[in-house]
């Protein structure tokens, strides 16, 4: 019988707002292994409440996905507690980098020192180098959210702050605290995309994920002597509420296994990389996408 060795390990997991999302699936999978969890979600500015729409958004689609992204972790937390898991939640906006040390403080206060860091939180928007009159059709982006905007400082700063700099600072904070307590075992798993090498019509998003993968390799090289393994997952299309039937039809010919992914399939690989069985794996970009973009 395989023992992943994850019982009572403390996991700091970012990006768990969407109850249909990858973060929620990762949380459930770690909980099933007896791990203890701090669930991070994006702290949104307080606004006046809006009345619920008369017709709820239909799954899947942009409106449905956007609504899920505004959810709290209350439902997920309640389900984890009902299953007997030890879990707590914290909100943070990674545009404010002072929140990063506070997340570790909260984990240590409520659960204990962090053993496993999963950088799953991400921001996405479509942008392009082309002027509007020269843009060619990108069927996938247009099926999802329409024409991309012009690349600019605002989109760069938003995407790089969440997708690259925040994970890097989280990894550094993890390493500092790990070294301070003279620990000799740790795991960092970063969630990237199989489109990181090039992203026409989503240029800043792809570049930010490429930066995350570079950080992954640097961290793996430097933190190995501390007993910390660092890896990245390059994800193909995963149904978290955004892939409409039309978009799925357009994507499927590029997936050798003939279907889009489920969040639980990503979670299985994350748990494997955190496990004892993956103790000799570090610095890798592992494709998880049914063969998409292999």
Foldseek 3Di string as FASTA:
>chain_A
DDQQPQALAEEEEEADQQCQALSLLLVVVSLVNNYAYEYEAADDDDDDDDDDDPDDDDFFAQSNLVVSNPHDCVVSVVVSVVVVHHYYYDYDHLVDVVCLVVSQVVCCVRRRGHFEYEQDDFDFAFEACDDPVPDDDDPLCCVHPRAGHHDDDVVLSNGLSRLAPSVLVNLVSSLVVLVVVLHQAHEYEYEAALCLVQDHRGHSNSVSRVNNLVSQLVCCVPCVVSRYAGEYEHEDAEPSRHQDPVSQVVCQVQAQQRGWHGSNQVSVVVSNCNGPVVSPDHSYYHYDTNNRSD
